[in-house]
Amino acid sequence: MSLVDYARDPLVSLVICFLIIIGGLGFCVWGDVAYCKGNPRKFQFYTRLALIGTAVLLIAGTSLFMVFEWNNPSYAGFNFGDKLLCSFFNATTARTAGYFTTDPATLSKSGTLLMIILMFIGACSGSTGGGVKVSKFTVILVGMFSVMRGKKTSPSGNAGSITERSCRRLPSLSPTWY
């Protein structure tokens, strides 16, 4: 759905982003946040993983969209704040909703690839979004970085650890993600 006419309107863009993020986190996360009364020290491991993974994806996605789409023809006449708003909107909506404030035909190849990667990752388990899920993607990344650093196990909170053997099996699990 096109929201190109509202690309510079922070009220419309931020409200839609806020609603997308709420829906993308899922019922389990919001239930735990409510149960713990917002105290992060009491959050379950999955809730921490989902919140941190979502924050990292939003920050990294926004930053990369800013870099990749800085000279996008759709942003002609936009100031820094407008470009930041459009980049945040694109990073948020690509994972779950499919709205856009930038004409997709004008995205650079890097911007298009970033959008595809964010669509592939998707939202959190138990949410309204699709994809392989933030938690799976985060655990896989942590495991891969641990193996690359030469560690035999990867810390995964109170849930135990991810062993090197498990990380070597990750490519064979890719067909089962869906």
Foldseek 3Di string as FASTA:
>chain_A
DEPQVCLQPCVVLVVVLVVLQVQQLADVLVVQCVVVVNDVVSGDLLNVQQVVLVVVQLVVQLVQQCVQCVPQPSCVPPDPVSSSSQSSSLSRCLQFPPYHNGDPVRGDPSNVVSSVVSVQQHGAPNGRGDHLHSNVVSLLVQLVVCVVVPHQWGDRPPPDTHGVVNNVCVVVCVVVSD
